Amino acid sequence: LGASLLIPLDEYNRLTLSADANKLLVPTRPTM
């Protein structure tokens, strides 16, 4: 899952702020 915000500072300069979150959809193996 991710979101991103692109901000134009002026005619030539841009700043992008982004974030992602990940979760493996794999079952946890029973431990020793």
PDB file of all heavy atoms in Angstrom:
ATOM      1  N   LEU A   1       0.855  -1.182   0.000  1.00  0.00           N
ATOM      2  CA  LEU A   1       0.000   0.000   0.000  1.00  0.00           C
ATOM      3  C   LEU A   1       0.892   1.234   0.000  1.00  0.00           C
ATOM      4  O   LEU A   1       1.886   1.286   0.735  1.00  0.00           O
ATOM      5  CB  LEU A   1      -0.910   0.029   1.231  1.00  0.00           C
ATOM      6  CG  LEU A   1      -1.799  -1.198   1.480  1.00  0.00           C
ATOM      7  CD1 LEU A   1      -2.474  -1.085   2.840  1.00  0.00           C
ATOM      8  CD2 LEU A   1      -2.829  -1.325   0.384  1.00  0.00           C
ATOM      9  N   GLY A   2       0.537   2.229  -0.802  1.00  0.00           N
ATOM     10  CA  GLY A   2       1.374   3.407  -0.860  1.00  0.00           C
ATOM     11  C   GLY A   2       0.608   4.670  -1.164  1.00  0.00           C
ATOM     12  O   GLY A   2      -0.495   4.642  -1.726  1.00  0.00           O
ATOM     13  N   ALA A   3       1.200   5.803  -0.765  1.00  0.00           N
ATOM     14  CA  ALA A   3       0.641   7.125  -1.061  1.00  0.00           C
ATOM     15  C   ALA A   3       1.779   8.060  -1.406  1.00  0.00           C
ATOM     16  O   ALA A   3       2.906   7.903  -0.915  1.00  0.00           O
ATOM     17  CB  ALA A   3      -0.154   7.660   0.129  1.00  0.00           C
ATOM     18  N   SER A   4       1.501   9.031  -2.257  1.00  0.00           N
ATOM     19  CA  SER A   4       2.543   9.953  -2.706  1.00  0.00           C
ATOM     20  C   SER A   4       1.946  11.327  -2.974  1.00  0.00           C
ATOM     21  O   SER A   4       0.841  11.439  -3.518  1.00  0.00           O
ATOM     22  CB  SER A   4       3.211   9.405  -3.974  1.00  0.00           C
ATOM     23  OG  SER A   4       4.265  10.233  -4.404  1.00  0.00           O
ATOM     24  N   LEU A   5       2.675  12.366  -2.582  1.00  0.00           N
ATOM     25  CA  LEU A   5       2.249  13.754  -2.783  1.00  0.00           C
ATOM     26  C   LEU A   5       3.346  14.503  -3.525  1.00  0.00           C
ATOM     27  O   LEU A   5       4.475  14.616  -3.038  1.00  0.00           O
ATOM     28  CB  LEU A   5       1.964  14.425  -1.448  1.00  0.00           C
ATOM     29  CG  LEU A   5       1.540  15.902  -1.501  1.00  0.00           C
ATOM     30  CD1 LEU A   5       0.203  16.060  -2.220  1.00  0.00           C
ATOM     31  CD2 LEU A   5       1.477  16.498  -0.101  1.00  0.00           C
ATOM     32  N   LEU A   6       3.025  14.988  -4.725  1.00  0.00           N
ATOM     33  CA  LEU A   6       3.969  15.754  -5.532  1.00  0.00           C
ATOM     34  C   LEU A   6       3.628  17.231  -5.399  1.00  0.00           C
ATOM     35  O   LEU A   6       2.513  17.652  -5.732  1.00  0.00           O
ATOM     36  CB  LEU A   6       3.910  15.304  -6.989  1.00  0.00           C
ATOM     37  CG  LEU A   6       4.968  15.844  -7.944  1.00  0.00           C
ATOM     38  CD1 LEU A   6       5.186  14.881  -9.117  1.00  0.00           C
ATOM     39  CD2 LEU A   6       4.579  17.218  -8.511  1.00  0.00           C
ATOM     40  N   ILE A   7       4.601  18.028  -4.914  1.00  0.00           N
ATOM     41  CA  ILE A   7       4.380  19.448  -4.644  1.00  0.00           C
ATOM     42  C   ILE A   7       5.239  20.281  -5.595  1.00  0.00           C
ATOM     43  O   ILE A   7       6.476  20.208  -5.531  1.00  0.00           O
ATOM     44  CB  ILE A   7       4.744  19.798  -3.185  1.00  0.00           C
ATOM     45  CG1 ILE A   7       3.995  18.884  -2.217  1.00  0.00           C
ATOM     46  CG2 ILE A   7       4.449  21.259  -2.891  1.00  0.00           C
ATOM     47  CD1 ILE A   7       4.477  19.006  -0.780  1.00  0.00           C
ATOM     48  N   PRO A   8       4.645  21.072  -6.494  1.00  0.00           N
ATOM     49  CA  PRO A   8       5.437  21.972  -7.344  1.00  0.00           C
ATOM     50  C   PRO A   8       5.853  23.202  -6.544  1.00  0.00           C
ATOM     51  O   PRO A   8       5.004  24.011  -6.149  1.00  0.00           O
ATOM     52  CB  PRO A   8       4.469  22.309  -8.485  1.00  0.00           C
ATOM     53  CG  PRO A   8       3.107  22.162  -7.879  1.00  0.00           C
ATOM     54  CD  PRO A   8       3.217  21.101  -6.815  1.00  0.00           C
ATOM     55  N   LEU A   9       7.138  23.353  -6.297  1.00  0.00           N
ATOM     56  CA  LEU A   9       7.625  24.487  -5.515  1.00  0.00           C
ATOM     57  C   LEU A   9       7.607  25.775  -6.340  1.00  0.00           C
ATOM     58  O   LEU A   9       7.294  26.847  -5.830  1.00  0.00           O
ATOM     59  CB  LEU A   9       9.028  24.191  -4.993  1.00  0.00           C
ATOM     60  CG  LEU A   9       9.161  22.912  -4.151  1.00  0.00           C
ATOM     61  CD1 LEU A   9      10.618  22.694  -3.750  1.00  0.00           C
ATOM     62  CD2 LEU A   9       8.274  22.990  -2.916  1.00  0.00           C
ATOM     63  N   ASP A  10       7.983  25.663  -7.600  1.00  0.00           N
ATOM     64  CA  ASP A  10       7.896  26.776  -8.540  1.00  0.00           C
ATOM     65  C   ASP A  10       7.929  26.190  -9.941  1.00  0.00           C
ATOM     66  O   ASP A  10       7.698  24.989 -10.131  1.00  0.00           O
ATOM     67  CB  ASP A  10       9.009  27.810  -8.317  1.00  0.00           C
ATOM     68  CG  ASP A  10      10.412  27.194  -8.348  1.00  0.00           C
ATOM     69  OD1 ASP A  10      10.626  26.274  -9.156  1.00  0.00           O
ATOM     70  OD2 ASP A  10      11.272  27.622  -7.561  1.00  0.00           O
ATOM     71  N   GLU A  11       8.240  26.999 -10.920  1.00  0.00           N
ATOM     72  CA  GLU A  11       8.190  26.533 -12.310  1.00  0.00           C
ATOM     73  C   GLU A  11       9.169  25.404 -12.585  1.00  0.00           C
ATOM     74  O   GLU A  11       8.915  24.537 -13.433  1.00  0.00           O
ATOM     75  CB  GLU A  11       8.472  27.717 -13.251  1.00  0.00           C
ATOM     76  CG  GLU A  11       8.364  27.363 -14.723  1.00  0.00           C
ATOM     77  CD  GLU A  11       8.632  28.567 -15.624  1.00  0.00           C
ATOM     78  OE1 GLU A  11       8.846  29.681 -15.089  1.00  0.00           O
ATOM     79  OE2 GLU A  11       8.631  28.388 -16.859  1.00  0.00           O
ATOM     80  N   TYR A  12      10.305  25.371 -11.876  1.00  0.00           N
ATOM     81  CA  TYR A  12      11.355  24.400 -12.180  1.00  0.00           C
ATOM     82  C   TYR A  12      11.558  23.346 -11.095  1.00  0.00           C
ATOM     83  O   TYR A  12      12.117  22.282 -11.367  1.00  0.00           O
ATOM     84  CB  TYR A  12      12.690  25.135 -12.399  1.00  0.00           C
ATOM     85  CG  TYR A  12      12.677  26.064 -13.582  1.00  0.00           C
ATOM     86  CD1 TYR A  12      12.536  27.439 -13.410  1.00  0.00           C
ATOM     87  CD2 TYR A  12      12.800  25.571 -14.878  1.00  0.00           C
ATOM     88  CE1 TYR A  12      12.519  28.301 -14.491  1.00  0.00           C
ATOM     89  CE2 TYR A  12      12.789  26.425 -15.972  1.00  0.00           C
ATOM     90  CZ  TYR A  12      12.644  27.786 -15.774  1.00  0.00           C
ATOM     91  OH  TYR A  12      12.626  28.641 -16.856  1.00  0.00           O
ATOM     92  N   ASN A  13      11.144  23.618  -9.887  1.00  0.00           N
ATOM     93  CA  ASN A  13      11.461  22.738  -8.768  1.00  0.00           C
ATOM     94  C   ASN A  13      10.216  21.999  -8.272  1.00  0.00           C
ATOM     95  O   ASN A  13       9.148  22.608  -8.101  1.00  0.00           O
ATOM     96  CB  ASN A  13      12.057  23.550  -7.611  1.00  0.00           C
ATOM     97  CG  ASN A  13      13.342  24.241  -8.007  1.00  0.00           C
ATOM     98  OD1 ASN A  13      14.416  23.651  -8.007  1.00  0.00           O
ATOM     99  ND2 ASN A  13      13.234  25.521  -8.366  1.00  0.00           N
ATOM    100  N   ARG A  14      10.385  20.681  -8.024  1.00  0.00           N
ATOM    101  CA  ARG A  14       9.296  19.849  -7.503  1.00  0.00           C
ATOM    102  C   ARG A  14       9.821  18.977  -6.362  1.00  0.00           C
ATOM    103  O   ARG A  14      10.982  18.564  -6.368  1.00  0.00           O
ATOM    104  CB  ARG A  14       8.718  18.937  -8.585  1.00  0.00           C
ATOM    105  CG  ARG A  14       8.099  19.657  -9.757  1.00  0.00           C
ATOM    106  CD  ARG A  14       7.388  18.669 -10.663  1.00  0.00           C
ATOM    107  NE  ARG A  14       8.235  17.532 -11.002  1.00  0.00           N
ATOM    108  CZ  ARG A  14       7.826  16.469 -11.701  1.00  0.00           C
ATOM    109  NH1 ARG A  14       6.580  16.401 -12.115  1.00  0.00           N
ATOM    110  NH2 ARG A  14       8.651  15.491 -11.984  1.00  0.00           N
ATOM    111  N   LEU A  15       8.939  18.714  -5.414  1.00  0.00           N
ATOM    112  CA  LEU A  15       9.270  17.840  -4.289  1.00  0.00           C
ATOM    113  C   LEU A  15       8.180  16.778  -4.156  1.00  0.00           C
ATOM    114  O   LEU A  15       6.989  17.101  -4.138  1.00  0.00           O
ATOM    115  CB  LEU A  15       9.368  18.650  -2.992  1.00  0.00           C
ATOM    116  CG  LEU A  15       9.664  17.838  -1.715  1.00  0.00           C
ATOM    117  CD1 LEU A  15      11.056  17.212  -1.791  1.00  0.00           C
ATOM    118  CD2 LEU A  15       9.536  18.733  -0.481  1.00  0.00           C
ATOM    119  N   THR A  16       8.591  15.521  -4.067  1.00  0.00           N
ATOM    120  CA  THR A  16       7.658  14.410  -3.900  1.00  0.00           C
ATOM    121  C   THR A  16       7.911  13.727  -2.563  1.00  0.00           C
ATOM    122  O   THR A  16       9.053  13.372  -2.249  1.00  0.00           O
ATOM    123  CB  THR A  16       7.816  13.380  -5.030  1.00  0.00           C
ATOM    124  OG1 THR A  16       7.587  14.013  -6.291  1.00  0.00           O
ATOM    125  CG2 THR A  16       6.835  12.234  -4.856  1.00  0.00           C
ATOM    126  N   LEU A  17       6.858  13.560  -1.775  1.00  0.00           N
ATOM    127  CA  LEU A  17       6.918  12.850  -0.498  1.00  0.00           C
ATOM    128  C   LEU A  17       6.080  11.579  -0.616  1.00  0.00           C
ATOM    129  O   LEU A  17       4.916  11.639  -1.018  1.00  0.00           O
ATOM    130  CB  LEU A  17       6.392  13.733   0.636  1.00  0.00           C
ATOM    131  CG  LEU A  17       7.069  15.094   0.806  1.00  0.00           C
ATOM    132  CD1 LEU A  17       6.365  15.904   1.888  1.00  0.00           C
ATOM    133  CD2 LEU A  17       8.552  14.930   1.142  1.00  0.00           C
ATOM    134  N   SER A  18       6.669  10.439  -0.267  1.00  0.00           N
ATOM    135  CA  SER A  18       5.994   9.161  -0.480  1.00  0.00           C
ATOM    136  C   SER A  18       6.175   8.239   0.718  1.00  0.00           C
ATOM    137  O   SER A  18       7.126   8.376   1.494  1.00  0.00           O
ATOM    138  CB  SER A  18       6.542   8.460  -1.735  1.00  0.00           C
ATOM    139  OG  SER A  18       6.457   9.289  -2.875  1.00  0.00           O
ATOM    140  N   ALA A  19       5.256   7.282   0.835  1.00  0.00           N
ATOM    141  CA  ALA A  19       5.334   6.274   1.890  1.00  0.00           C
ATOM    142  C   ALA A  19       4.696   4.987   1.392  1.00  0.00           C
ATOM    143  O   ALA A  19       3.680   5.021   0.691  1.00  0.00           O
ATOM    144  CB  ALA A  19       4.640   6.749   3.163  1.00  0.00           C
ATOM    145  N   ASP A  20       5.303   3.862   1.727  1.00  0.00           N
ATOM    146  CA  ASP A  20       4.776   2.538   1.406  1.00  0.00           C
ATOM    147  C   ASP A  20       4.731   1.684   2.656  1.00  0.00           C
ATOM    148  O   ASP A  20       5.571   1.834   3.561  1.00  0.00           O
ATOM    149  CB  ASP A  20       5.664   1.823   0.382  1.00  0.00           C
ATOM    150  CG  ASP A  20       5.317   2.199  -1.055  1.00  0.00           C
ATOM    151  OD1 ASP A  20       4.576   3.181  -1.248  1.00  0.00           O
ATOM    152  OD2 ASP A  20       5.821   1.514  -1.975  1.00  0.00           O
ATOM    153  N   ALA A  21       3.769   0.772   2.710  1.00  0.00           N
ATOM    154  CA  ALA A  21       3.694  -0.238   3.763  1.00  0.00           C
ATOM    155  C   ALA A  21       3.520  -1.599   3.100  1.00  0.00           C
ATOM    156  O   ALA A  21       2.752  -1.735   2.141  1.00  0.00           O
ATOM    157  CB  ALA A  21       2.539   0.041   4.725  1.00  0.00           C
ATOM    158  N   ASN A  22       4.247  -2.605   3.589  1.00  0.00           N
ATOM    159  CA  ASN A  22       4.214  -3.945   3.010  1.00  0.00           C
ATOM    160  C   ASN A  22       3.926  -4.983   4.072  1.00  0.00           C
ATOM    161  O   ASN A  22       4.435  -4.887   5.196  1.00  0.00           O
ATOM    162  CB  ASN A  22       5.564  -4.300   2.380  1.00  0.00           C
ATOM    163  CG  ASN A  22       5.915  -3.417   1.216  1.00  0.00           C
ATOM    164  OD1 ASN A  22       5.508  -3.666   0.100  1.00  0.00           O
ATOM    165  ND2 ASN A  22       6.676  -2.365   1.488  1.00  0.00           N
ATOM    166  N   LYS A  23       3.146  -5.976   3.688  1.00  0.00           N
ATOM    167  CA  LYS A  23       2.957  -7.143   4.550  1.00  0.00           C
ATOM    168  C   LYS A  23       2.984  -8.398   3.688  1.00  0.00           C
ATOM    169  O   LYS A  23       2.243  -8.505   2.710  1.00  0.00           O
ATOM    170  CB  LYS A  23       1.639  -7.097   5.313  1.00  0.00           C
ATOM    171  CG  LYS A  23       1.522  -8.238   6.333  1.00  0.00           C
ATOM    172  CD  LYS A  23       0.179  -8.290   7.005  1.00  0.00           C
ATOM    173  CE  LYS A  23       0.162  -9.334   8.125  1.00  0.00           C
ATOM    174  NZ  LYS A  23       0.640 -10.667   7.700  1.00  0.00           N
ATOM    175  N   LEU A  24       3.848  -9.342   4.058  1.00  0.00           N
ATOM    176  CA  LEU A  24       3.883 -10.617   3.363  1.00  0.00           C
ATOM    177  C   LEU A  24       2.615 -11.403   3.676  1.00  0.00           C
ATOM    178  O   LEU A  24       2.265 -11.591   4.844  1.00  0.00           O
ATOM    179  CB  LEU A  24       5.118 -11.421   3.781  1.00  0.00           C
ATOM    180  CG  LEU A  24       6.449 -10.971   3.172  1.00  0.00           C
ATOM    181  CD1 LEU A  24       7.612 -11.594   3.915  1.00  0.00           C
ATOM    182  CD2 LEU A  24       6.508 -11.322   1.690  1.00  0.00           C
ATOM    183  N   LEU A  25       1.931 -11.859   2.645  1.00  0.00           N
ATOM    184  CA  LEU A  25       0.715 -12.653   2.817  1.00  0.00           C
ATOM    185  C   LEU A  25       1.078 -14.136   2.800  1.00  0.00           C
ATOM    186  O   LEU A  25       0.569 -14.929   2.002  1.00  0.00           O
ATOM    187  CB  LEU A  25      -0.289 -12.309   1.720  1.00  0.00           C
ATOM    188  CG  LEU A  25      -0.668 -10.829   1.619  1.00  0.00           C
ATOM    189  CD1 LEU A  25      -1.712 -10.630   0.532  1.00  0.00           C
ATOM    190  CD2 LEU A  25      -1.165 -10.291   2.947  1.00  0.00           C
ATOM    191  N   VAL A  26       1.986 -14.478   3.704  1.00  0.00           N
ATOM    192  CA  VAL A  26       2.510 -15.836   3.835  1.00  0.00           C
ATOM    193  C   VAL A  26       2.321 -16.277   5.278  1.00  0.00           C
ATOM    194  O   VAL A  26       2.645 -15.521   6.203  1.00  0.00           O
ATOM    195  CB  VAL A  26       4.010 -15.885   3.461  1.00  0.00           C
ATOM    196  CG1 VAL A  26       4.582 -17.278   3.664  1.00  0.00           C
ATOM    197  CG2 VAL A  26       4.212 -15.427   2.013  1.00  0.00           C
ATOM    198  N   PRO A  27       1.784 -17.462   5.516  1.00  0.00           N
ATOM    199  CA  PRO A  27       1.581 -17.908   6.901  1.00  0.00           C
ATOM    200  C   PRO A  27       2.890 -18.057   7.647  1.00  0.00           C
ATOM    201  O   PRO A  27       3.932 -18.398   7.065  1.00  0.00           O
ATOM    202  CB  PRO A  27       0.863 -19.252   6.752  1.00  0.00           C
ATOM    203  CG  PRO A  27       1.174 -19.711   5.367  1.00  0.00           C
ATOM    204  CD  PRO A  27       1.319 -18.469   4.539  1.00  0.00           C
ATOM    205  N   THR A  28       2.851 -17.783   8.940  1.00  0.00           N
ATOM    206  CA  THR A  28       4.030 -17.913   9.787  1.00  0.00           C
ATOM    207  C   THR A  28       4.292 -19.385  10.087  1.00  0.00           C
ATOM    208  O   THR A  28       3.393 -20.103  10.523  1.00  0.00           O
ATOM    209  CB  THR A  28       3.840 -17.148  11.107  1.00  0.00           C
ATOM    210  OG1 THR A  28       3.553 -15.781  10.803  1.00  0.00           O
ATOM    211  CG2 THR A  28       5.085 -17.220  11.968  1.00  0.00           C
ATOM    212  N   ARG A  29       5.500 -19.826   9.846  1.00  0.00           N
ATOM    213  CA  ARG A  29       5.848 -21.219  10.114  1.00  0.00           C
ATOM    214  C   ARG A  29       5.880 -21.466  11.622  1.00  0.00           C
ATOM    215  O   ARG A  29       6.478 -20.675  12.365  1.00  0.00           O
ATOM    216  CB  ARG A  29       7.212 -21.550   9.515  1.00  0.00           C
ATOM    217  CG  ARG A  29       7.667 -22.985   9.748  1.00  0.00           C
ATOM    218  CD  ARG A  29       9.079 -23.199   9.264  1.00  0.00           C
ATOM    219  NE  ARG A  29       9.197 -23.018   7.822  1.00  0.00           N
ATOM    220  CZ  ARG A  29      10.346 -23.136   7.158  1.00  0.00           C
ATOM    221  NH1 ARG A  29      11.460 -23.413   7.814  1.00  0.00           N
ATOM    222  NH2 ARG A  29      10.388 -22.964   5.845  1.00  0.00           N
ATOM    223  N   PRO A  30       5.240 -22.551  12.115  1.00  0.00           N
ATOM    224  CA  PRO A  30       5.328 -22.878  13.550  1.00  0.00           C
ATOM    225  C   PRO A  30       6.779 -23.013  13.979  1.00  0.00           C
ATOM    226  O   PRO A  30       7.599 -23.587  13.259  1.00  0.00           O
ATOM    227  CB  PRO A  30       4.582 -24.216  13.645  1.00  0.00           C
ATOM    228  CG  PRO A  30       3.635 -24.202  12.493  1.00  0.00           C
ATOM    229  CD  PRO A  30       4.342 -23.475  11.393  1.00  0.00           C
ATOM    230  N   THR A  31       7.109 -22.480  15.137  1.00  0.00           N
ATOM    231  CA  THR A  31       8.493 -22.429  15.584  1.00  0.00           C
ATOM    232  C   THR A  31       8.946 -23.739  16.222  1.00  0.00           C
ATOM    233  O   THR A  31       8.133 -24.598  16.582  1.00  0.00           O
ATOM    234  CB  THR A  31       8.676 -21.298  16.607  1.00  0.00           C
ATOM    235  OG1 THR A  31       7.872 -21.595  17.765  1.00  0.00           O
ATOM    236  CG2 THR A  31       8.249 -19.962  16.020  1.00  0.00           C
ATOM    237  N   MET A  32      10.262 -23.868  16.368  1.00  0.00           N
ATOM    238  CA  MET A  32      10.837 -25.022  17.043  1.00  0.00           C
ATOM    239  C   MET A  32      10.359 -25.080  18.485  1.00  0.00           C
ATOM    240  O   MET A  32      10.129 -26.165  19.040  1.00  0.00           O
ATOM    241  CB  MET A  32      12.370 -24.938  16.989  1.00  0.00           C
ATOM    242  CG  MET A  32      13.099 -26.169  17.495  1.00  0.00           C
ATOM    243  SD  MET A  32      12.936 -27.554  16.344  1.00  0.00           S
ATOM    244  CE  MET A  32      14.114 -28.723  17.052  1.00  0.00           C
TER     245      MET A  32
END
